[in-house]
Amino acid sequence: MVAVANEGGPIYIYAVKTLGKQPERYHLIKGIQYEYVTALSFHADGTFLVTATSESRLLKFFTVPALKSSNDKQKRYPAHCQELGLQGRMSDIKTGHTQTVSSVAFASTGAKPYIVTCARGDDTTVKFFNLRGKLLADMDTKQIRNYMLSVSSDSNFVAVANWMSEVKIFQVKRHKSTGMFEKAVQAMALKGHGKMVRSLKFGFHPSGRSHIVTASEDGTIALWDTAVRYEIGEDPKRLKSFKCGAFVAVALSPDGRMIAAAKYGELHFFDADTGECLRTSLTDGGSAAAPPVDGDQTWLEFSCDGQTVLLHEPSARSCHIWDVPSRS
């Protein structure tokens, strides 16, 4: 499934395999009134969705029943968890952010799940919550402005793209026997970009080494290996660096072999090993007269199978799913 939201408030959750067919199957959530959704994230198993709202900066949780791929009648529909009486779990959470929430992640792989958020503007905090709404950690990047965050595939690390050239990566420390969240600490930093880092995404290399891709205003895309002995001060390894222009969104394919990158009106695919551009496509954003205002975010996500990417640009009225070029 894929979830999209707009300033009008409703959230549409589509069954991807029905897209392009008639009729497309989707859930419509109208549980957010008078505000709009600024960020959202699925639980890893697709059964829950967390959303961040604009003015109140609340986190709201919704159940996500399976969507039928045929015209059979739906028997279950999304529900606001606050109204289900789940013994305090996944009730609405007051984040305490002073600015609009720009990223929320449902870190639900590996051990016990948690929620992590960051905000726009001069609120440079990164906040961690459990599913009962308890604030677990409140970290300050002290980097003037945060743009977005990304969580590693095992939910143990959180990286934050910000106004500065250095990317801070926080580690979640857990109780050895219960797996419960104990604290968050700054574990390492990505150093080497010359200007602000607009976008970043964790991936996971097939050999088991954790990788992350970054895009900077200095005109470079960099690929990093974070599987290092950071406990003794070893820095992440900068594996590749491609000088290819100032991109505003990047994503790393699940197999770690391809990088998707977006700039205003263009979508590019790069070979992660060589930096070769495999394809360039013009997008809806190409008609924009000027770049989006500060705070507007271009979003780019690979599908779990690595066959497609989802792109949303602030200047476009729609989200689009693009096929991924072959590397052969």
Protein backbone atom coordinates (compact mmCIF):
# COMPACT_ATOMS: atom_id res chain seq x y z
CA MET A 1 0.00 0.00 0.00
CA VAL A 2 0.91 3.64 -0.35
CA ALA A 3 -0.53 6.51 1.70
CA VAL A 4 -0.79 10.11 0.51
CA ALA A 5 -2.28 13.19 2.15
CA ASN A 6 -2.96 16.81 1.22
CA GLU A 7 -3.75 20.15 2.81
CA GLY A 8 -7.45 19.38 2.72
CA GLY A 9 -7.03 16.80 5.46
CA PRO A 10 -8.08 13.41 4.00
CA ILE A 11 -5.59 10.56 3.71
CA TYR A 12 -5.82 8.14 0.81
CA ILE A 13 -4.33 4.66 1.25
CA TYR A 14 -4.07 2.89 -2.10
CA ALA A 15 -3.55 -0.77 -2.93
CA VAL A 16 -0.54 -0.41 -5.25
CA LYS A 17 -1.40 -3.47 -7.35
CA THR A 18 -4.70 -1.83 -8.37
CA LEU A 19 -3.14 1.46 -9.51
CA GLY A 20 -3.71 2.08 -13.20
CA LYS A 21 -6.69 -0.26 -13.17
CA GLN A 22 -10.39 0.44 -12.86
CA PRO A 23 -11.51 0.77 -10.22
CA GLU A 24 -8.49 1.62 -8.08
CA ARG A 25 -8.95 0.41 -4.52
CA TYR A 26 -8.27 2.75 -1.63
CA HIS A 27 -9.17 3.61 1.95
CA LEU A 28 -10.17 7.18 2.74
CA ILE A 29 -9.44 8.53 6.23
CA LYS A 30 -11.30 11.67 7.29
CA GLY A 31 -10.37 11.54 10.95
CA ILE A 32 -8.22 14.69 10.87
CA GLN A 33 -10.37 17.83 10.93
CA TYR A 34 -9.42 21.48 10.54
CA GLU A 35 -5.77 20.57 10.06
CA TYR A 36 -3.69 18.87 7.43
CA VAL A 37 -1.13 16.08 7.53
CA THR A 38 2.53 17.14 7.32
CA ALA A 39 4.15 13.69 7.64
CA LEU A 40 3.11 10.04 7.91
CA SER A 41 4.62 6.59 8.25
CA PHE A 42 3.46 2.96 8.13
CA HIS A 43 4.25 0.31 10.70
CA ALA A 44 6.59 -2.25 9.07
CA ASP A 45 3.77 -4.82 8.77
CA GLY A 46 1.40 -2.27 7.19
CA THR A 47 -1.30 -2.62 9.84
CA PHE A 48 -0.97 0.85 11.39
CA LEU A 49 -0.32 4.38 10.14
CA VAL A 50 0.98 7.30 12.20
CA THR A 51 0.37 10.87 11.03
CA ALA A 52 1.56 14.30 12.17
CA THR A 53 -0.87 17.23 12.06
CA SER A 54 -0.11 20.82 11.15
CA GLU A 55 -1.26 23.21 13.89
CA SER A 56 -1.60 21.05 17.00
CA ARG A 57 1.46 18.97 16.01
CA LEU A 58 -0.27 15.85 17.30
CA LEU A 59 0.61 12.32 16.30
CA LYS A 60 -2.51 10.34 15.39
CA PHE A 61 -2.64 6.58 14.80
CA PHE A 62 -4.97 4.66 12.49
CA THR A 63 -5.54 0.97 11.86
CA VAL A 64 -5.01 -0.11 8.25
CA PRO A 65 -7.04 -3.18 7.25
CA ALA A 66 -6.04 -5.12 4.14
CA LEU A 67 -7.42 -3.71 0.88
CA LYS A 68 -9.18 -6.12 -1.44
CA SER A 69 -7.74 -6.20 -4.95
CA SER A 70 -11.11 -7.09 -6.48
CA ASN A 71 -14.51 -5.45 -6.37
CA ASP A 72 -15.49 -7.53 -3.36
CA LYS A 73 -17.03 -5.47 -0.58
CA GLN A 74 -14.69 -4.28 2.13
CA LYS A 75 -15.58 -5.65 5.55
CA ARG A 76 -13.08 -3.66 7.59
CA TYR A 77 -12.10 -0.02 7.33
CA PRO A 78 -9.45 2.23 8.94
CA ALA A 79 -10.19 3.46 12.45
CA HIS A 80 -8.67 6.15 14.66
CA CYS A 81 -6.85 4.21 17.39
CA GLN A 82 -7.79 6.83 19.99
CA GLU A 83 -11.38 5.65 19.68
CA LEU A 84 -10.66 1.93 19.91
CA GLY A 85 -9.66 1.81 23.58
CA LEU A 86 -6.36 0.01 23.10
CA GLN A 87 -5.49 0.38 26.81
CA GLY A 88 -3.52 3.57 26.22
CA ARG A 89 -1.51 2.26 23.29
CA MET A 90 -1.43 4.48 20.20
CA SER A 91 -3.58 7.23 21.62
CA ASP A 92 -2.88 10.69 20.19
CA ILE A 93 0.52 12.04 21.23
CA LYS A 94 1.35 15.69 21.87
CA THR A 95 4.83 16.00 20.40
CA GLY A 96 5.77 19.27 22.09
CA HIS A 97 7.43 20.52 18.90
CA THR A 98 7.25 24.30 18.51
CA GLN A 99 7.19 24.12 14.70
CA THR A 100 5.43 21.95 12.12
CA VAL A 101 6.53 18.30 12.14
CA SER A 102 8.44 17.62 8.91
CA SER A 103 9.24 13.92 9.46
CA VAL A 104 7.74 11.11 11.48
CA ALA A 105 8.97 7.50 11.39
CA PHE A 106 7.31 4.39 12.78
CA ALA A 107 10.50 2.56 13.78
CA SER A 108 8.93 -0.87 13.99
CA THR A 109 11.54 -3.33 12.75
CA GLY A 110 13.83 -5.32 15.04
CA ALA A 111 13.09 -4.89 18.75
CA LYS A 112 10.29 -2.90 20.42
CA PRO A 113 8.83 -0.15 18.17
CA TYR A 114 9.08 3.57 18.82
CA ILE A 115 8.13 6.80 17.04
CA VAL A 116 10.68 9.48 16.12
CA THR A 117 9.99 13.01 14.85
CA CYS A 118 11.72 16.20 13.76
CA ALA A 119 10.30 19.62 12.89
CA ARG A 120 10.84 22.57 10.58
CA GLY A 121 12.07 26.06 11.33
CA ASP A 122 14.06 26.86 14.45
CA ASP A 123 12.91 23.73 16.32
CA THR A 124 16.04 21.57 16.01
CA THR A 125 14.94 18.79 18.37
CA VAL A 126 14.53 15.11 17.49
CA LYS A 127 11.97 13.43 19.75
CA PHE A 128 11.49 9.73 20.53
CA PHE A 129 8.19 8.32 21.89
CA ASN A 130 6.89 4.89 22.82
CA LEU A 131 3.46 3.76 21.65
CA ARG A 132 1.86 4.94 24.90
CA GLY A 133 2.96 8.49 24.24
CA LYS A 134 5.83 8.64 26.74
CA LEU A 135 8.69 10.90 25.67
CA LEU A 136 11.71 8.59 25.65
CA ALA A 137 14.39 11.02 24.49
CA ASP A 138 14.63 14.63 23.34
CA MET A 139 17.81 15.22 21.34
CA ASP A 140 18.92 18.58 19.90
CA THR A 141 20.95 18.53 16.69
CA LYS A 142 21.97 22.18 17.29
CA GLN A 143 22.27 22.53 13.53
CA ILE A 144 20.13 25.67 12.88
CA ARG A 145 17.38 23.78 11.02
CA ASN A 146 16.37 20.15 10.45
CA TYR A 147 14.92 19.07 7.12
CA MET A 148 14.12 15.39 7.50
CA LEU A 149 15.17 12.16 9.19
CA SER A 150 15.68 8.56 8.19
CA VAL A 151 15.69 5.39 10.32
CA SER A 152 17.96 2.41 9.62
CA SER A 153 16.39 -0.88 8.57
CA ASP A 154 16.96 -2.39 12.03
CA SER A 155 15.52 0.71 13.79
CA ASN A 156 18.77 1.16 15.75
CA PHE A 157 19.96 4.41 14.14
CA VAL A 158 18.37 7.74 13.18
CA ALA A 159 20.08 10.19 10.80
CA VAL A 160 18.99 13.82 10.41
CA ALA A 161 19.48 16.06 7.34
CA ASN A 162 19.93 19.68 8.33
CA TRP A 163 21.08 23.18 7.45
CA MET A 164 24.71 22.33 8.22
CA SER A 165 27.10 20.14 6.25
CA GLU A 166 27.47 17.55 9.03
CA VAL A 167 24.87 14.81 9.43
CA LYS A 168 24.34 13.60 12.99
CA ILE A 169 23.38 9.97 13.57
CA PHE A 170 21.76 8.92 16.86
CA GLN A 171 21.80 5.38 18.22
CA VAL A 172 18.95 3.84 20.17
CA LYS A 173 20.28 1.99 23.22
CA ARG A 174 18.06 -0.88 24.41
CA HIS A 175 17.80 -3.04 27.50
CA LYS A 176 19.77 -6.23 26.87
CA SER A 177 17.08 -8.64 28.05
CA THR A 178 13.79 -6.86 27.23
CA GLY A 179 14.77 -4.89 24.12
CA MET A 180 13.04 -1.83 25.57
CA PHE A 181 14.23 1.65 24.63
CA GLU A 182 16.61 3.02 27.27
CA LYS A 183 18.15 6.13 25.72
CA ALA A 184 19.32 7.79 22.53
CA VAL A 185 22.91 8.94 22.11
CA GLN A 186 24.85 10.59 19.31
CA ALA A 187 26.86 7.74 17.82
CA MET A 188 28.56 9.20 14.76
CA ALA A 189 28.52 11.94 12.14
CA LEU A 190 28.85 12.09 8.37
CA LYS A 191 31.50 14.71 7.59
CA GLY A 192 32.73 15.85 4.20
CA HIS A 193 29.96 17.80 2.47
CA GLY A 194 30.70 21.47 1.85
CA LYS A 195 27.15 22.81 2.29
CA MET A 196 23.79 21.88 3.84
CA VAL A 197 22.45 18.34 3.46
CA ARG A 198 18.92 18.50 2.06
CA SER A 199 18.05 14.82 2.00
CA LEU A 200 19.27 11.41 3.13
CA LYS A 201 18.03 7.84 3.26
CA PHE A 202 19.22 4.66 4.92
CA GLY A 203 19.32 1.54 2.82
CA PHE A 204 20.60 -1.93 3.57
CA HIS A 205 23.35 -3.53 1.50
CA PRO A 206 22.80 -7.23 0.62
CA SER A 207 26.09 -8.24 2.24
CA GLY A 208 24.74 -6.96 5.57
CA ARG A 209 26.66 -3.66 5.70
CA SER A 210 24.50 -0.67 6.48
CA HIS A 211 24.60 2.12 3.91
CA ILE A 212 23.20 5.65 3.76
CA VAL A 213 22.96 8.10 0.85
CA THR A 214 23.06 11.91 1.22
CA ALA A 215 22.40 14.86 -1.12
CA SER A 216 23.97 18.24 -0.45
CA GLU A 217 23.73 21.80 -1.71
CA ASP A 218 27.41 21.46 -2.61
CA GLY A 219 26.26 19.53 -5.69
CA THR A 220 27.30 16.07 -4.56
CA ILE A 221 25.57 12.82 -3.75
CA ALA A 222 27.53 10.64 -1.34
CA LEU A 223 27.21 6.98 -0.33
CA TRP A 224 28.42 6.03 3.17
CA ASP A 225 29.08 2.83 5.07
CA THR A 226 27.97 3.19 8.71
CA ALA A 227 28.93 -0.34 9.78
CA VAL A 228 31.99 0.92 11.65
CA ARG A 229 33.39 0.67 15.18
CA TYR A 230 31.92 3.99 16.24
CA GLU A 231 32.26 3.00 19.91
CA ILE A 232 36.01 3.59 19.62
CA GLY A 233 35.66 6.73 17.50
CA GLU A 234 35.84 5.21 14.01
CA ASP A 235 34.07 7.48 11.49
CA PRO A 236 31.65 6.24 8.82
CA LYS A 237 33.37 5.50 5.50
CA ARG A 238 32.56 7.66 2.49
CA LEU A 239 32.36 5.00 -0.22
CA LYS A 240 31.40 7.10 -3.23
CA SER A 241 30.86 10.75 -4.08
CA PHE A 242 29.24 11.90 -7.33
CA LYS A 243 29.42 15.53 -8.47
CA CYS A 244 26.11 15.80 -10.27
CA GLY A 245 24.27 18.94 -9.16
CA ALA A 246 22.17 20.04 -6.23
CA PHE A 247 19.47 17.42 -5.69
CA VAL A 248 16.75 17.93 -3.07
CA ALA A 249 15.73 14.30 -2.49
CA VAL A 250 17.54 10.97 -2.67
CA ALA A 251 16.73 7.33 -1.99
CA LEU A 252 18.77 4.12 -2.01
CA SER A 253 17.34 0.95 -3.54
CA PRO A 254 16.81 -2.03 -1.19
CA ASP A 255 19.71 -3.93 -2.76
CA GLY A 256 22.01 -0.89 -2.42
CA ARG A 257 22.87 -0.86 -6.13
CA MET A 258 20.89 2.15 -7.36
CA ILE A 259 20.32 5.73 -6.22
CA ALA A 260 17.24 7.73 -7.19
CA ALA A 261 17.63 11.50 -6.98
CA ALA A 262 15.20 14.36 -7.63
CA LYS A 263 15.72 18.03 -8.36
CA TYR A 264 13.13 20.58 -9.45
CA GLY A 265 11.39 19.02 -12.44
CA GLU A 266 13.76 16.07 -12.92
CA LEU A 267 14.15 12.51 -11.67
CA HIS A 268 17.52 10.77 -12.10
CA PHE A 269 18.67 7.20 -11.53
CA PHE A 270 22.36 6.53 -10.81
CA ASP A 271 24.39 3.33 -10.59
CA ALA A 272 25.56 3.31 -6.96
CA ASP A 273 28.88 1.66 -7.89
CA THR A 274 29.96 3.84 -10.82
CA GLY A 275 27.90 7.03 -10.52
CA GLU A 276 26.70 6.53 -14.10
CA CYS A 277 23.35 8.19 -14.80
CA LEU A 278 21.07 5.39 -16.04
CA ARG A 279 18.06 7.55 -16.89
CA THR A 280 16.75 11.10 -16.55
CA SER A 281 13.04 11.88 -16.66
CA LEU A 282 11.14 15.17 -16.62
CA THR A 283 8.48 15.37 -13.91
CA ASP A 284 5.41 17.49 -13.12
CA GLY A 285 7.61 19.86 -11.17
CA GLY A 286 9.30 20.91 -14.41
CA SER A 287 6.63 23.55 -14.92
CA ALA A 288 7.49 25.32 -11.68
CA ALA A 289 8.78 28.86 -12.19
CA ALA A 290 10.84 28.75 -9.02
CA PRO A 291 11.99 26.23 -6.41
CA PRO A 292 9.60 25.53 -3.52
CA VAL A 293 9.76 27.82 -0.52
CA ASP A 294 11.80 26.74 2.48
CA GLY A 295 10.02 23.96 4.33
CA ASP A 296 8.44 22.40 1.24
CA GLN A 297 9.82 18.90 0.87
CA THR A 298 10.28 16.68 -2.17
CA TRP A 299 9.72 13.04 -1.19
CA LEU A 300 11.26 10.05 -2.90
CA GLU A 301 10.80 6.40 -1.82
CA PHE A 302 11.73 3.04 -3.34
CA SER A 303 9.19 0.24 -3.15
CA CYS A 304 10.18 -2.77 -1.04
CA ASP A 305 10.96 -4.83 -4.15
CA GLY A 306 13.08 -2.04 -5.66
CA GLN A 307 11.11 -2.06 -8.92
CA THR A 308 9.49 1.38 -8.58
CA VAL A 309 9.92 4.72 -6.82
CA LEU A 310 7.27 7.11 -5.54
CA LEU A 311 7.91 10.82 -6.12
CA HIS A 312 6.06 13.83 -4.79
CA GLU A 313 7.13 17.39 -5.57
CA PRO A 314 5.64 20.43 -3.79
CA SER A 315 4.77 22.07 -7.13
CA ALA A 316 2.91 18.98 -8.42
CA ARG A 317 -0.75 18.17 -7.75
CA SER A 318 -0.17 14.42 -7.74
CA CYS A 319 2.17 11.74 -6.48
CA HIS A 320 3.65 9.59 -9.24
CA ILE A 321 5.13 6.09 -9.27
CA TRP A 322 8.00 5.57 -11.71
CA ASP A 323 9.50 2.31 -12.91
CA VAL A 324 13.19 1.74 -12.18
CA PRO A 325 15.57 1.32 -15.15
CA SER A 326 17.44 -1.92 -15.66
CA ARG A 327 21.15 -2.01 -14.80
CA SER A 328 21.93 -4.68 -17.42
